[in-house]
């Protein structure tokens, strides 16, 4: 027998047509007429194939590439759901490989998302793969199983299902003890425009990671980074959309009276203010139970009773809908002519 010749009447190259991939499950091999015994014979020491993970076979003898290892861990995590190989109307085999609900997460996912502070794939000995909590799987070989009660919607990156950045960050941070690495990853998430700080803090909170001092320190840096980035976007919005120059970063006070609060931008002639909402989400509970949220709402109500229009903008809206936010501010400025004059307030630098 020549072990380099596929044992199936349907050649195996149909499965990897267009992808060059040579990683298959035992179920997929059986669909091509290759029995478990024949697959075992092909995977013998010195043979043309090798078993990368339980139930997953690499159809060449050399070291697997990073792409092949990624496909292997996904197929391993989904192999119980891989009951057949999709066929095309002409009887050929579809090139699509089913991965079920499994998705790459952790450091490997961050690398796939383009993080320069995440290690390159060839240097990662294990890849995290996210699966439903009830799946009966164990970590083995290059596959490290991460379970979740509720899975996020996977994003397709280079044809692979990958966890969104906030979830991938939380799974990566869970296994890291180096404070410098954690801070670097979280900072790049915001600075690189991958996600907003609030989404990261939400995932870290859900993963119960905010009781680790080095994670808390990194989150403080993350929030500061997010705040600085949002302020920069607000400056750019005013400039690029031709809005009149406001007073930047001011405190308002009543003459001889109490402090009214700080604002990111204020147009005194129109009594219009912009406030960036960069508050971090709190673990559990409702927003109205949050002392910071309560203070935030109280300040806004007080200013509006004085005739000052307060426009709240989130960092995400600044990033994804700048033109729309500029229109909201412009409308508020134009509407000031139709309002009663606002109360006189003292504007001080913050």
C-alpha atoms as a PDB file:
ATOM      1  CA  UNK A   1       0.000   0.000   0.000  1.00  0.00           C
ATOM      2  CA  UNK A   2       1.206   3.487  -0.819  1.00  0.00           C
ATOM      3  CA  UNK A   3       0.257   5.582   2.235  1.00  0.00           C
ATOM      4  CA  UNK A   4       0.624   8.814   0.275  1.00  0.00           C
ATOM      5  CA  UNK A   5      -2.416   7.931  -1.841  1.00  0.00           C
ATOM      6  CA  UNK A   6      -5.816   8.844  -0.349  1.00  0.00           C
ATOM      7  CA  UNK A   7      -7.808   5.754   0.597  1.00  0.00           C
ATOM      8  CA  UNK A   8     -11.129   7.251  -0.415  1.00  0.00           C
ATOM      9  CA  UNK A   9     -12.879   6.990  -3.789  1.00  0.00           C
ATOM     10  CA  UNK A  10     -13.585  10.715  -3.269  1.00  0.00           C
ATOM     11  CA  UNK A  11     -10.149  12.394  -3.213  1.00  0.00           C
ATOM     12  CA  UNK A  12      -9.323  14.272  -0.009  1.00  0.00           C
ATOM     13  CA  UNK A  13      -8.136  17.371  -1.865  1.00  0.00           C
ATOM     14  CA  UNK A  14     -11.804  18.309  -2.381  1.00  0.00           C
ATOM     15  CA  UNK A  15     -12.010  19.231   1.314  1.00  0.00           C
ATOM     16  CA  UNK A  16      -9.149  21.695   1.113  1.00  0.00           C
ATOM     17  CA  UNK A  17      -9.887  23.072  -2.327  1.00  0.00           C
ATOM     18  CA  UNK A  18      -9.278  26.784  -2.327  1.00  0.00           C
ATOM     19  CA  UNK A  19      -7.848  26.847   1.206  1.00  0.00           C
ATOM     20  CA  UNK A  20      -4.776  24.582   1.086  1.00  0.00           C
ATOM     21  CA  UNK A  21      -5.882  23.280   4.490  1.00  0.00           C
ATOM     22  CA  UNK A  22      -5.001  19.722   5.407  1.00  0.00           C
ATOM     23  CA  UNK A  23      -6.584  19.272   8.817  1.00  0.00           C
ATOM     24  CA  UNK A  24      -9.591  16.926   9.087  1.00  0.00           C
ATOM     25  CA  UNK A  25     -11.565  15.167  11.786  1.00  0.00           C
ATOM     26  CA  UNK A  26     -12.066  11.404  11.879  1.00  0.00           C
ATOM     27  CA  UNK A  27     -15.705  12.043  10.987  1.00  0.00           C
ATOM     28  CA  UNK A  28     -14.690  13.909   7.844  1.00  0.00           C
ATOM     29  CA  UNK A  29     -12.233  11.174   6.936  1.00  0.00           C
ATOM     30  CA  UNK A  30     -14.938   8.513   7.334  1.00  0.00           C
ATOM     31  CA  UNK A  31     -17.129  10.504   4.944  1.00  0.00           C
ATOM     32  CA  UNK A  32     -14.348   9.962   2.411  1.00  0.00           C
ATOM     33  CA  UNK A  33     -14.166   6.262   3.014  1.00  0.00           C
ATOM     34  CA  UNK A  34     -11.209   6.327   5.415  1.00  0.00           C
ATOM     35  CA  UNK A  35     -11.955   4.121   8.410  1.00  0.00           C
ATOM     36  CA  UNK A  36     -10.583   4.727  11.887  1.00  0.00           C
ATOM     37  CA  UNK A  37      -8.191   1.795  11.424  1.00  0.00           C
ATOM     38  CA  UNK A  38      -6.927   3.155   8.112  1.00  0.00           C
ATOM     39  CA  UNK A  39      -6.489   6.636   9.612  1.00  0.00           C
ATOM     40  CA  UNK A  40      -4.535   5.077  12.501  1.00  0.00           C
ATOM     41  CA  UNK A  41      -2.295   3.280  10.030  1.00  0.00           C
ATOM     42  CA  UNK A  42      -1.620   6.521   8.172  1.00  0.00           C
ATOM     43  CA  UNK A  43      -0.756   8.231  11.497  1.00  0.00           C
ATOM     44  CA  UNK A  44       1.739   5.552  12.594  1.00  0.00           C
ATOM     45  CA  UNK A  45       5.253   6.785  13.551  1.00  0.00           C
ATOM     46  CA  UNK A  46       7.005   7.777  10.347  1.00  0.00           C
ATOM     47  CA  UNK A  47       3.731   7.738   8.398  1.00  0.00           C
ATOM     48  CA  UNK A  48       2.432  10.422   6.052  1.00  0.00           C
ATOM     49  CA  UNK A  49      -0.199  11.731   8.502  1.00  0.00           C
ATOM     50  CA  UNK A  50      -0.192  12.652  12.189  1.00  0.00           C
ATOM     51  CA  UNK A  51      -2.794  13.072  14.891  1.00  0.00           C
ATOM     52  CA  UNK A  52      -2.639  16.656  16.146  1.00  0.00           C
ATOM     53  CA  UNK A  53      -5.427  16.370  18.709  1.00  0.00           C
ATOM     54  CA  UNK A  54      -7.918  13.650  19.682  1.00  0.00           C
ATOM     55  CA  UNK A  55     -10.058  13.051  16.629  1.00  0.00           C
ATOM     56  CA  UNK A  56      -8.154  15.559  14.476  1.00  0.00           C
ATOM     57  CA  UNK A  57      -5.627  14.530  11.827  1.00  0.00           C
ATOM     58  CA  UNK A  58      -2.982  16.520   9.959  1.00  0.00           C
ATOM     59  CA  UNK A  59      -2.600  15.192   6.411  1.00  0.00           C
ATOM     60  CA  UNK A  60       1.145  15.713   6.128  1.00  0.00           C
ATOM     61  CA  UNK A  61       4.137  14.588   8.208  1.00  0.00           C
ATOM     62  CA  UNK A  62       5.916  17.906   8.829  1.00  0.00           C
ATOM     63  CA  UNK A  63       5.318  20.424  11.620  1.00  0.00           C
ATOM     64  CA  UNK A  64       1.891  22.076  11.471  1.00  0.00           C
ATOM     65  CA  UNK A  65       1.649  25.737  10.556  1.00  0.00           C
ATOM     66  CA  UNK A  66      -0.012  28.196  12.932  1.00  0.00           C
ATOM     67  CA  UNK A  67      -3.063  28.233  10.668  1.00  0.00           C
ATOM     68  CA  UNK A  68      -3.288  24.441  10.792  1.00  0.00           C
ATOM     69  CA  UNK A  69      -3.011  24.464  14.584  1.00  0.00           C
ATOM     70  CA  UNK A  70      -5.800  27.049  14.808  1.00  0.00           C
ATOM     71  CA  UNK A  71      -8.053  24.958  12.581  1.00  0.00           C
ATOM     72  CA  UNK A  72      -7.140  21.882  14.612  1.00  0.00           C
ATOM     73  CA  UNK A  73      -8.202  23.361  17.955  1.00  0.00           C
ATOM     74  CA  UNK A  74     -11.473  24.593  16.426  1.00  0.00           C
ATOM     75  CA  UNK A  75     -12.191  21.192  14.894  1.00  0.00           C
ATOM     76  CA  UNK A  76     -11.296  19.493  18.166  1.00  0.00           C
ATOM     77  CA  UNK A  77     -13.720  21.720  20.068  1.00  0.00           C
ATOM     78  CA  UNK A  78     -16.474  21.164  17.495  1.00  0.00           C
ATOM     79  CA  UNK A  79     -15.753  17.573  16.490  1.00  0.00           C
ATOM     80  CA  UNK A  80     -18.761  16.101  18.306  1.00  0.00           C
ATOM     81  CA  UNK A  81     -20.981  18.372  16.227  1.00  0.00           C
ATOM     82  CA  UNK A  82     -19.172  17.494  12.972  1.00  0.00           C
ATOM     83  CA  UNK A  83     -21.367  14.610  11.873  1.00  0.00           C
ATOM     84  CA  UNK A  84     -21.029  15.013   8.142  1.00  0.00           C
ATOM     85  CA  UNK A  85     -19.156  16.842   5.439  1.00  0.00           C
ATOM     86  CA  UNK A  86     -21.288  19.326   3.462  1.00  0.00           C
ATOM     87  CA  UNK A  87     -21.736  18.323  -0.165  1.00  0.00           C
ATOM     88  CA  UNK A  88     -22.351  20.377  -3.251  1.00  0.00           C
ATOM     89  CA  UNK A  89     -25.169  19.706  -5.751  1.00  0.00           C
ATOM     90  CA  UNK A  90     -22.732  17.953  -8.098  1.00  0.00           C
ATOM     91  CA  UNK A  91     -21.762  15.487  -5.380  1.00  0.00           C
ATOM     92  CA  UNK A  92     -18.458  17.191  -4.590  1.00  0.00           C
ATOM     93  CA  UNK A  93     -17.471  18.200  -1.087  1.00  0.00           C
ATOM     94  CA  UNK A  94     -17.992  21.781   0.072  1.00  0.00           C
ATOM     95  CA  UNK A  95     -14.802  23.536   1.161  1.00  0.00           C
ATOM     96  CA  UNK A  96     -16.502  24.952   4.281  1.00  0.00           C
ATOM     97  CA  UNK A  97     -15.485  23.317   7.585  1.00  0.00           C
ATOM     98  CA  UNK A  98     -18.035  23.375  10.427  1.00  0.00           C
ATOM     99  CA  UNK A  99     -16.776  24.690  13.769  1.00  0.00           C
ATOM    100  CA  UNK A 100     -20.060  24.711  15.643  1.00  0.00           C
ATOM    101  CA  UNK A 101     -20.094  27.415  18.316  1.00  0.00           C
ATOM    102  CA  UNK A 102     -16.355  27.226  19.013  1.00  0.00           C
ATOM    103  CA  UNK A 103     -14.215  30.328  18.517  1.00  0.00           C
ATOM    104  CA  UNK A 104     -10.603  31.354  19.105  1.00  0.00           C
ATOM    105  CA  UNK A 105     -10.126  33.619  22.136  1.00  0.00           C
ATOM    106  CA  UNK A 106      -7.335  34.852  24.412  1.00  0.00           C
ATOM    107  CA  UNK A 107      -3.920  35.886  23.124  1.00  0.00           C
ATOM    108  CA  UNK A 108      -4.308  34.072  19.804  1.00  0.00           C
ATOM    109  CA  UNK A 109      -7.514  36.005  19.111  1.00  0.00           C
ATOM    110  CA  UNK A 110      -5.794  39.291  19.930  1.00  0.00           C
ATOM    111  CA  UNK A 111      -2.962  38.408  17.546  1.00  0.00           C
ATOM    112  CA  UNK A 112      -5.520  37.675  14.832  1.00  0.00           C
ATOM    113  CA  UNK A 113      -7.211  41.019  15.563  1.00  0.00           C
ATOM    114  CA  UNK A 114      -3.879  42.698  14.821  1.00  0.00           C
ATOM    115  CA  UNK A 115      -2.534  43.461  18.315  1.00  0.00           C
ATOM    116  CA  UNK A 116       1.188  44.157  18.074  1.00  0.00           C
ATOM    117  CA  UNK A 117       1.587  43.655  21.830  1.00  0.00           C
ATOM    118  CA  UNK A 118       0.259  40.080  21.599  1.00  0.00           C
ATOM    119  CA  UNK A 119       2.869  37.405  20.826  1.00  0.00           C
ATOM    120  CA  UNK A 120       3.030  36.050  17.249  1.00  0.00           C
ATOM    121  CA  UNK A 121       1.124  32.826  16.666  1.00  0.00           C
ATOM    122  CA  UNK A 122       4.193  30.574  16.128  1.00  0.00           C
ATOM    123  CA  UNK A 123       5.472  31.467  19.624  1.00  0.00           C
ATOM    124  CA  UNK A 124       2.195  30.515  21.331  1.00  0.00           C
ATOM    125  CA  UNK A 125       2.303  26.938  22.540  1.00  0.00           C
ATOM    126  CA  UNK A 126      -1.443  26.742  23.266  1.00  0.00           C
ATOM    127  CA  UNK A 127      -4.478  28.403  21.730  1.00  0.00           C
ATOM    128  CA  UNK A 128      -7.548  29.265  23.808  1.00  0.00           C
ATOM    129  CA  UNK A 129     -10.820  28.102  22.298  1.00  0.00           C
ATOM    130  CA  UNK A 130     -14.147  29.304  23.692  1.00  0.00           C
ATOM    131  CA  UNK A 131     -16.994  26.785  23.970  1.00  0.00           C
ATOM    132  CA  UNK A 132     -20.374  26.529  25.734  1.00  0.00           C
ATOM    133  CA  UNK A 133     -20.073  25.668  29.407  1.00  0.00           C
ATOM    134  CA  UNK A 134     -21.852  22.319  29.085  1.00  0.00           C
ATOM    135  CA  UNK A 135     -19.460  20.893  26.490  1.00  0.00           C
ATOM    136  CA  UNK A 136     -17.525  17.878  27.769  1.00  0.00           C
ATOM    137  CA  UNK A 137     -14.040  18.717  26.600  1.00  0.00           C
ATOM    138  CA  UNK A 138     -10.647  18.858  28.231  1.00  0.00           C
ATOM    139  CA  UNK A 139      -7.605  20.913  27.391  1.00  0.00           C
ATOM    140  CA  UNK A 140      -4.996  18.875  25.568  1.00  0.00           C
ATOM    141  CA  UNK A 141      -2.082  19.402  23.217  1.00  0.00           C
ATOM    142  CA  UNK A 142      -2.237  22.925  21.786  1.00  0.00           C
ATOM    143  CA  UNK A 143      -5.936  23.352  22.693  1.00  0.00           C
ATOM    144  CA  UNK A 144      -6.865  25.093  25.950  1.00  0.00           C
ATOM    145  CA  UNK A 145     -10.604  24.986  26.589  1.00  0.00           C
ATOM    146  CA  UNK A 146     -12.323  28.124  27.930  1.00  0.00           C
ATOM    147  CA  UNK A 147     -15.978  27.751  28.879  1.00  0.00           C
ATOM    148  CA  UNK A 148     -18.708  30.383  28.968  1.00  0.00           C
ATOM    149  CA  UNK A 149     -22.360  30.311  29.964  1.00  0.00           C
ATOM    150  CA  UNK A 150     -23.179  32.737  27.150  1.00  0.00           C
ATOM    151  CA  UNK A 151     -21.014  32.980  24.068  1.00  0.00           C
ATOM    152  CA  UNK A 152     -20.457  36.292  22.261  1.00  0.00           C
ATOM    153  CA  UNK A 153     -21.086  36.591  18.543  1.00  0.00           C
ATOM    154  CA  UNK A 154     -17.893  35.487  16.813  1.00  0.00           C
ATOM    155  CA  UNK A 155     -16.140  37.726  14.303  1.00  0.00           C
ATOM    156  CA  UNK A 156     -14.626  36.265  11.152  1.00  0.00           C
ATOM    157  CA  UNK A 157     -10.900  36.997  10.939  1.00  0.00           C
ATOM    158  CA  UNK A 158      -8.936  35.359   8.089  1.00  0.00           C
ATOM    159  CA  UNK A 159     -11.783  32.883   7.748  1.00  0.00           C
ATOM    160  CA  UNK A 160     -11.730  31.847  11.411  1.00  0.00           C
ATOM    161  CA  UNK A 161     -14.371  32.445  14.117  1.00  0.00           C
ATOM    162  CA  UNK A 162     -12.707  34.726  16.659  1.00  0.00           C
ATOM    163  CA  UNK A 163     -14.041  36.186  19.912  1.00  0.00           C
ATOM    164  CA  UNK A 164     -14.621  39.973  19.910  1.00  0.00           C
ATOM    165  CA  UNK A 165     -11.751  41.994  21.357  1.00  0.00           C
ATOM    166  CA  UNK A 166     -13.289  42.694  24.814  1.00  0.00           C
ATOM    167  CA  UNK A 167     -13.970  38.999  25.439  1.00  0.00           C
ATOM    168  CA  UNK A 168     -10.597  37.934  24.016  1.00  0.00           C
ATOM    169  CA  UNK A 169      -8.893  40.469  26.297  1.00  0.00           C
ATOM    170  CA  UNK A 170     -10.647  39.144  29.388  1.00  0.00           C
ATOM    171  CA  UNK A 171      -9.682  35.563  28.538  1.00  0.00           C
ATOM    172  CA  UNK A 172      -6.085  36.611  27.883  1.00  0.00           C
ATOM    173  CA  UNK A 173      -5.811  38.663  31.084  1.00  0.00           C
ATOM    174  CA  UNK A 174      -7.191  35.747  33.117  1.00  0.00           C
ATOM    175  CA  UNK A 175      -3.997  33.839  32.379  1.00  0.00           C
ATOM    176  CA  UNK A 176      -1.496  36.688  32.748  1.00  0.00           C
ATOM    177  CA  UNK A 177       0.385  37.808  35.859  1.00  0.00           C
ATOM    178  CA  UNK A 178       2.756  40.294  34.226  1.00  0.00           C
ATOM    179  CA  UNK A 179       1.359  43.764  34.996  1.00  0.00           C
ATOM    180  CA  UNK A 180       3.317  45.365  32.146  1.00  0.00           C
ATOM    181  CA  UNK A 181       1.896  42.953  29.565  1.00  0.00           C
ATOM    182  CA  UNK A 182      -1.654  43.400  30.867  1.00  0.00           C
ATOM    183  CA  UNK A 183      -1.372  47.186  30.731  1.00  0.00           C
ATOM    184  CA  UNK A 184       0.131  47.068  27.260  1.00  0.00           C
ATOM    185  CA  UNK A 185      -2.717  44.909  25.914  1.00  0.00           C
ATOM    186  CA  UNK A 186      -5.464  47.024  27.467  1.00  0.00           C
ATOM    187  CA  UNK A 187      -3.874  50.257  26.280  1.00  0.00           C
ATOM    188  CA  UNK A 188      -3.542  48.981  22.714  1.00  0.00           C
ATOM    189  CA  UNK A 189      -7.201  47.923  22.736  1.00  0.00           C
ATOM    190  CA  UNK A 190      -8.229  51.553  23.185  1.00  0.00           C
ATOM    191  CA  UNK A 191      -5.407  53.378  21.436  1.00  0.00           C
ATOM    192  CA  UNK A 192      -5.671  51.068  18.423  1.00  0.00           C
ATOM    193  CA  UNK A 193      -9.415  51.712  18.111  1.00  0.00           C
ATOM    194  CA  UNK A 194     -10.338  48.066  18.705  1.00  0.00           C
ATOM    195  CA  UNK A 195     -12.953  48.808  21.377  1.00  0.00           C
ATOM    196  CA  UNK A 196     -14.067  51.267  24.029  1.00  0.00           C
ATOM    197  CA  UNK A 197     -12.892  51.105  27.676  1.00  0.00           C
ATOM    198  CA  UNK A 198     -16.420  50.471  28.954  1.00  0.00           C
ATOM    199  CA  UNK A 199     -16.675  47.235  26.951  1.00  0.00           C
ATOM    200  CA  UNK A 200     -13.345  45.998  28.348  1.00  0.00           C
ATOM    201  CA  UNK A 201     -14.262  46.850  31.952  1.00  0.00           C
ATOM    202  CA  UNK A 202     -17.599  45.087  31.492  1.00  0.00           C
ATOM    203  CA  UNK A 203     -15.900  41.856  30.381  1.00  0.00           C
ATOM    204  CA  UNK A 204     -13.224  42.058  33.103  1.00  0.00           C
ATOM    205  CA  UNK A 205     -15.964  42.550  35.676  1.00  0.00           C
ATOM    206  CA  UNK A 206     -17.951  39.580  34.386  1.00  0.00           C
ATOM    207  CA  UNK A 207     -14.790  37.451  34.540  1.00  0.00           C
ATOM    208  CA  UNK A 208     -14.220  38.560  38.185  1.00  0.00           C
ATOM    209  CA  UNK A 209     -10.757  39.887  37.367  1.00  0.00           C
ATOM    210  CA  UNK A 210     -11.066  43.298  39.027  1.00  0.00           C
ATOM    211  CA  UNK A 211      -9.956  41.861  42.376  1.00  0.00           C
ATOM    212  CA  UNK A 212      -6.413  41.479  41.043  1.00  0.00           C
ATOM    213  CA  UNK A 213      -4.252  44.528  41.843  1.00  0.00           C
ATOM    214  CA  UNK A 214      -2.267  44.441  38.597  1.00  0.00           C
ATOM    215  CA  UNK A 215      -5.529  44.318  36.605  1.00  0.00           C
ATOM    216  CA  UNK A 216      -7.026  47.234  38.575  1.00  0.00           C
ATOM    217  CA  UNK A 217      -3.907  49.321  37.889  1.00  0.00           C
ATOM    218  CA  UNK A 218      -4.111  48.482  34.191  1.00  0.00           C
ATOM    219  CA  UNK A 219      -7.802  49.436  34.111  1.00  0.00           C
ATOM    220  CA  UNK A 220      -6.993  52.835  35.648  1.00  0.00           C
ATOM    221  CA  UNK A 221      -4.504  53.415  32.827  1.00  0.00           C
ATOM    222  CA  UNK A 222      -7.064  52.145  30.324  1.00  0.00           C
ATOM    223  CA  UNK A 223      -9.709  54.616  31.486  1.00  0.00           C
ATOM    224  CA  UNK A 224      -7.218  57.484  31.411  1.00  0.00           C
ATOM    225  CA  UNK A 225      -6.195  56.473  27.890  1.00  0.00           C
ATOM    226  CA  UNK A 226      -9.821  56.279  26.819  1.00  0.00           C
ATOM    227  CA  UNK A 227     -10.569  59.682  28.297  1.00  0.00           C
ATOM    228  CA  UNK A 228      -7.626  61.324  26.517  1.00  0.00           C
ATOM    229  CA  UNK A 229      -8.614  59.696  23.211  1.00  0.00           C
ATOM    230  CA  UNK A 230     -12.235  60.828  23.552  1.00  0.00           C
ATOM    231  CA  UNK A 231     -11.148  64.409  24.275  1.00  0.00           C
ATOM    232  CA  UNK A 232      -8.931  64.360  21.190  1.00  0.00           C
ATOM    233  CA  UNK A 233     -11.858  63.165  19.077  1.00  0.00           C
ATOM    234  CA  UNK A 234     -14.064  65.925  20.496  1.00  0.00           C
ATOM    235  CA  UNK A 235     -11.473  68.578  19.553  1.00  0.00           C
ATOM    236  CA  UNK A 236     -11.313  67.111  16.062  1.00  0.00           C
ATOM    237  CA  UNK A 237     -15.110  67.049  15.752  1.00  0.00           C
ATOM    238  CA  UNK A 238     -15.384  70.779  16.532  1.00  0.00           C
ATOM    239  CA  UNK A 239     -12.613  71.621  14.084  1.00  0.00           C
ATOM    240  CA  UNK A 240     -13.567  69.357  11.175  1.00  0.00           C
ATOM    241  CA  UNK A 241     -17.299  70.101  11.232  1.00  0.00           C
ATOM    242  CA  UNK A 242     -16.912  73.863  11.507  1.00  0.00           C
ATOM    243  CA  UNK A 243     -18.488  74.344  14.932  1.00  0.00           C
ATOM    244  CA  UNK A 244     -17.689  77.585  16.787  1.00  0.00           C
ATOM    245  CA  UNK A 245     -14.850  77.308  19.278  1.00  0.00           C
ATOM    246  CA  UNK A 246     -16.097  76.600  22.812  1.00  0.00           C
ATOM    247  CA  UNK A 247     -14.449  77.146  26.173  1.00  0.00           C
ATOM    248  CA  UNK A 248     -12.646  73.867  26.778  1.00  0.00           C
ATOM    249  CA  UNK A 249     -12.541  71.972  30.094  1.00  0.00           C
ATOM    250  CA  UNK A 250     -14.334  74.421  32.360  1.00  0.00           C
ATOM    251  CA  UNK A 251     -16.058  74.509  35.734  1.00  0.00           C
ATOM    252  CA  UNK A 252     -19.341  76.361  36.149  1.00  0.00           C
ATOM    253  CA  UNK A 253     -20.408  78.177  39.318  1.00  0.00           C
ATOM    254  CA  UNK A 254     -23.288  80.403  40.285  1.00  0.00           C
ATOM    255  CA  UNK A 255     -22.099  83.906  41.233  1.00  0.00           C
ATOM    256  CA  UNK A 256     -21.226  83.668  44.915  1.00  0.00           C
ATOM    257  CA  UNK A 257     -22.907  80.277  44.957  1.00  0.00           C
ATOM    258  CA  UNK A 258     -22.167  76.577  44.674  1.00  0.00           C
ATOM    259  CA  UNK A 259     -20.089  74.662  42.170  1.00  0.00           C
ATOM    260  CA  UNK A 260     -22.265  73.353  39.321  1.00  0.00           C
ATOM    261  CA  UNK A 261     -19.858  70.842  37.822  1.00  0.00           C
ATOM    262  CA  UNK A 262     -17.186  70.379  35.212  1.00  0.00           C
ATOM    263  CA  UNK A 263     -17.794  70.298  31.469  1.00  0.00           C
ATOM    264  CA  UNK A 264     -15.657  69.274  28.518  1.00  0.00           C
ATOM    265  CA  UNK A 265     -16.878  72.103  26.265  1.00  0.00           C
ATOM    266  CA  UNK A 266     -19.111  75.114  26.866  1.00  0.00           C
ATOM    267  CA  UNK A 267     -20.507  77.790  24.564  1.00  0.00           C
ATOM    268  CA  UNK A 268     -21.416  80.654  26.946  1.00  0.00           C
ATOM    269  CA  UNK A 269     -23.292  82.766  24.372  1.00  0.00           C
ATOM    270  CA  UNK A 270     -25.616  79.890  23.542  1.00  0.00           C
ATOM    271  CA  UNK A 271     -25.577  78.224  27.020  1.00  0.00           C
ATOM    272  CA  UNK A 272     -24.771  74.851  25.443  1.00  0.00           C
ATOM    273  CA  UNK A 273     -22.466  72.320  27.074  1.00  0.00           C
ATOM    274  CA  UNK A 274     -20.929  69.038  25.951  1.00  0.00           C
ATOM    275  CA  UNK A 275     -20.029  66.359  28.461  1.00  0.00           C
ATOM    276  CA  UNK A 276     -18.150  63.195  27.549  1.00  0.00           C
ATOM    277  CA  UNK A 277     -19.676  60.158  29.213  1.00  0.00           C
ATOM    278  CA  UNK A 278     -16.588  58.090  29.986  1.00  0.00           C
ATOM    279  CA  UNK A 279     -17.876  56.472  33.171  1.00  0.00           C
ATOM    280  CA  UNK A 280     -16.828  52.874  33.688  1.00  0.00           C
ATOM    281  CA  UNK A 281     -19.654  50.374  34.211  1.00  0.00           C
ATOM    282  CA  UNK A 282     -20.156  49.137  37.750  1.00  0.00           C
ATOM    283  CA  UNK A 283     -20.333  45.440  38.586  1.00  0.00           C
ATOM    284  CA  UNK A 284     -23.963  44.327  38.865  1.00  0.00           C
ATOM    285  CA  UNK A 285     -26.922  46.444  39.799  1.00  0.00           C
ATOM    286  CA  UNK A 286     -28.874  49.020  37.877  1.00  0.00           C
ATOM    287  CA  UNK A 287     -27.427  52.339  36.671  1.00  0.00           C
ATOM    288  CA  UNK A 288     -29.759  54.280  38.959  1.00  0.00           C
ATOM    289  CA  UNK A 289     -28.221  52.475  41.956  1.00  0.00           C
ATOM    290  CA  UNK A 290     -24.761  53.789  41.048  1.00  0.00           C
ATOM    291  CA  UNK A 291     -23.701  56.821  43.121  1.00  0.00           C
ATOM    292  CA  UNK A 292     -21.689  58.185  40.200  1.00  0.00           C
ATOM    293  CA  UNK A 293     -24.671  57.809  37.874  1.00  0.00           C
ATOM    294  CA  UNK A 294     -26.906  59.579  40.416  1.00  0.00           C
ATOM    295  CA  UNK A 295     -24.487  62.502  40.732  1.00  0.00           C
ATOM    296  CA  UNK A 296     -24.165  62.653  36.948  1.00  0.00           C
ATOM    297  CA  UNK A 297     -27.952  62.878  36.520  1.00  0.00           C
ATOM    298  CA  UNK A 298     -28.307  65.434  39.316  1.00  0.00           C
ATOM    299  CA  UNK A 299     -25.746  67.741  37.702  1.00  0.00           C
ATOM    300  CA  UNK A 300     -27.465  67.547  34.343  1.00  0.00           C
ATOM    301  CA  UNK A 301     -30.896  68.307  35.811  1.00  0.00           C
ATOM    302  CA  UNK A 302     -29.521  71.277  37.751  1.00  0.00           C
ATOM    303  CA  UNK A 303     -27.842  72.770  34.666  1.00  0.00           C
ATOM    304  CA  UNK A 304     -30.955  72.315  32.542  1.00  0.00           C
ATOM    305  CA  UNK A 305     -33.097  74.027  35.202  1.00  0.00           C
ATOM    306  CA  UNK A 306     -30.742  76.990  34.808  1.00  0.00           C
ATOM    307  CA  UNK A 307     -31.441  77.019  31.059  1.00  0.00           C
ATOM    308  CA  UNK A 308     -28.179  75.313  29.993  1.00  0.00           C
ATOM    309  CA  UNK A 309     -28.525  72.607  27.333  1.00  0.00           C
ATOM    310  CA  UNK A 310     -26.277  69.630  28.101  1.00  0.00           C
ATOM    311  CA  UNK A 311     -25.303  67.312  25.230  1.00  0.00           C
ATOM    312  CA  UNK A 312     -23.918  63.974  26.411  1.00  0.00           C
ATOM    313  CA  UNK A 313     -21.648  62.125  23.992  1.00  0.00           C
ATOM    314  CA  UNK A 314     -20.098  58.704  24.503  1.00  0.00           C
ATOM    315  CA  UNK A 315     -16.621  57.863  23.183  1.00  0.00           C
ATOM    316  CA  UNK A 316     -18.152  55.216  20.948  1.00  0.00           C
ATOM    317  CA  UNK A 317     -20.488  57.720  19.280  1.00  0.00           C
ATOM    318  CA  UNK A 318     -17.565  60.076  18.759  1.00  0.00           C
ATOM    319  CA  UNK A 319     -15.699  57.279  17.041  1.00  0.00           C
ATOM    320  CA  UNK A 320     -18.495  55.718  14.992  1.00  0.00           C
ATOM    321  CA  UNK A 321     -20.903  58.594  14.337  1.00  0.00           C
ATOM    322  CA  UNK A 322     -18.927  61.845  14.478  1.00  0.00           C
ATOM    323  CA  UNK A 323     -20.997  63.583  11.805  1.00  0.00           C
ATOM    324  CA  UNK A 324     -24.238  62.748  13.596  1.00  0.00           C
ATOM    325  CA  UNK A 325     -22.870  64.038  16.929  1.00  0.00           C
ATOM    326  CA  UNK A 326     -21.699  67.252  15.262  1.00  0.00           C
ATOM    327  CA  UNK A 327     -25.231  67.728  13.929  1.00  0.00           C
ATOM    328  CA  UNK A 328     -26.667  67.260  17.438  1.00  0.00           C
ATOM    329  CA  UNK A 329     -24.345  69.940  18.849  1.00  0.00           C
ATOM    330  CA  UNK A 330     -25.016  72.313  15.948  1.00  0.00           C
ATOM    331  CA  UNK A 331     -28.781  71.911  16.403  1.00  0.00           C
ATOM    332  CA  UNK A 332     -28.477  72.711  20.114  1.00  0.00           C
ATOM    333  CA  UNK A 333     -26.447  75.843  19.321  1.00  0.00           C
ATOM    334  CA  UNK A 334     -28.962  77.037  16.726  1.00  0.00           C
ATOM    335  CA  UNK A 335     -31.938  76.321  19.016  1.00  0.00           C
ATOM    336  CA  UNK A 336     -30.523  78.625  21.691  1.00  0.00           C
ATOM    337  CA  UNK A 337     -31.976  81.628  19.851  1.00  0.00           C
ATOM    338  CA  UNK A 338     -35.488  80.332  20.507  1.00  0.00           C
ATOM    339  CA  UNK A 339     -34.979  79.665  24.240  1.00  0.00           C
ATOM    340  CA  UNK A 340     -35.309  81.980  27.194  1.00  0.00           C
ATOM    341  CA  UNK A 341     -31.943  83.356  28.333  1.00  0.00           C
ATOM    342  CA  UNK A 342     -30.073  81.082  30.678  1.00  0.00           C
ATOM    343  CA  UNK A 343     -29.091  82.035  34.198  1.00  0.00           C
ATOM    344  CA  UNK A 344     -25.792  83.859  34.546  1.00  0.00           C
ATOM    345  CA  UNK A 345     -22.980  81.532  35.537  1.00  0.00           C
ATOM    346  CA  UNK A 346     -19.270  81.984  36.170  1.00  0.00           C
ATOM    347  CA  UNK A 347     -16.996  80.019  33.819  1.00  0.00           C
ATOM    348  CA  UNK A 348     -13.664  78.975  35.296  1.00  0.00           C
ATOM    349  CA  UNK A 349     -10.834  76.856  33.845  1.00  0.00           C
ATOM    350  CA  UNK A 350     -10.842  73.300  35.154  1.00  0.00           C
END
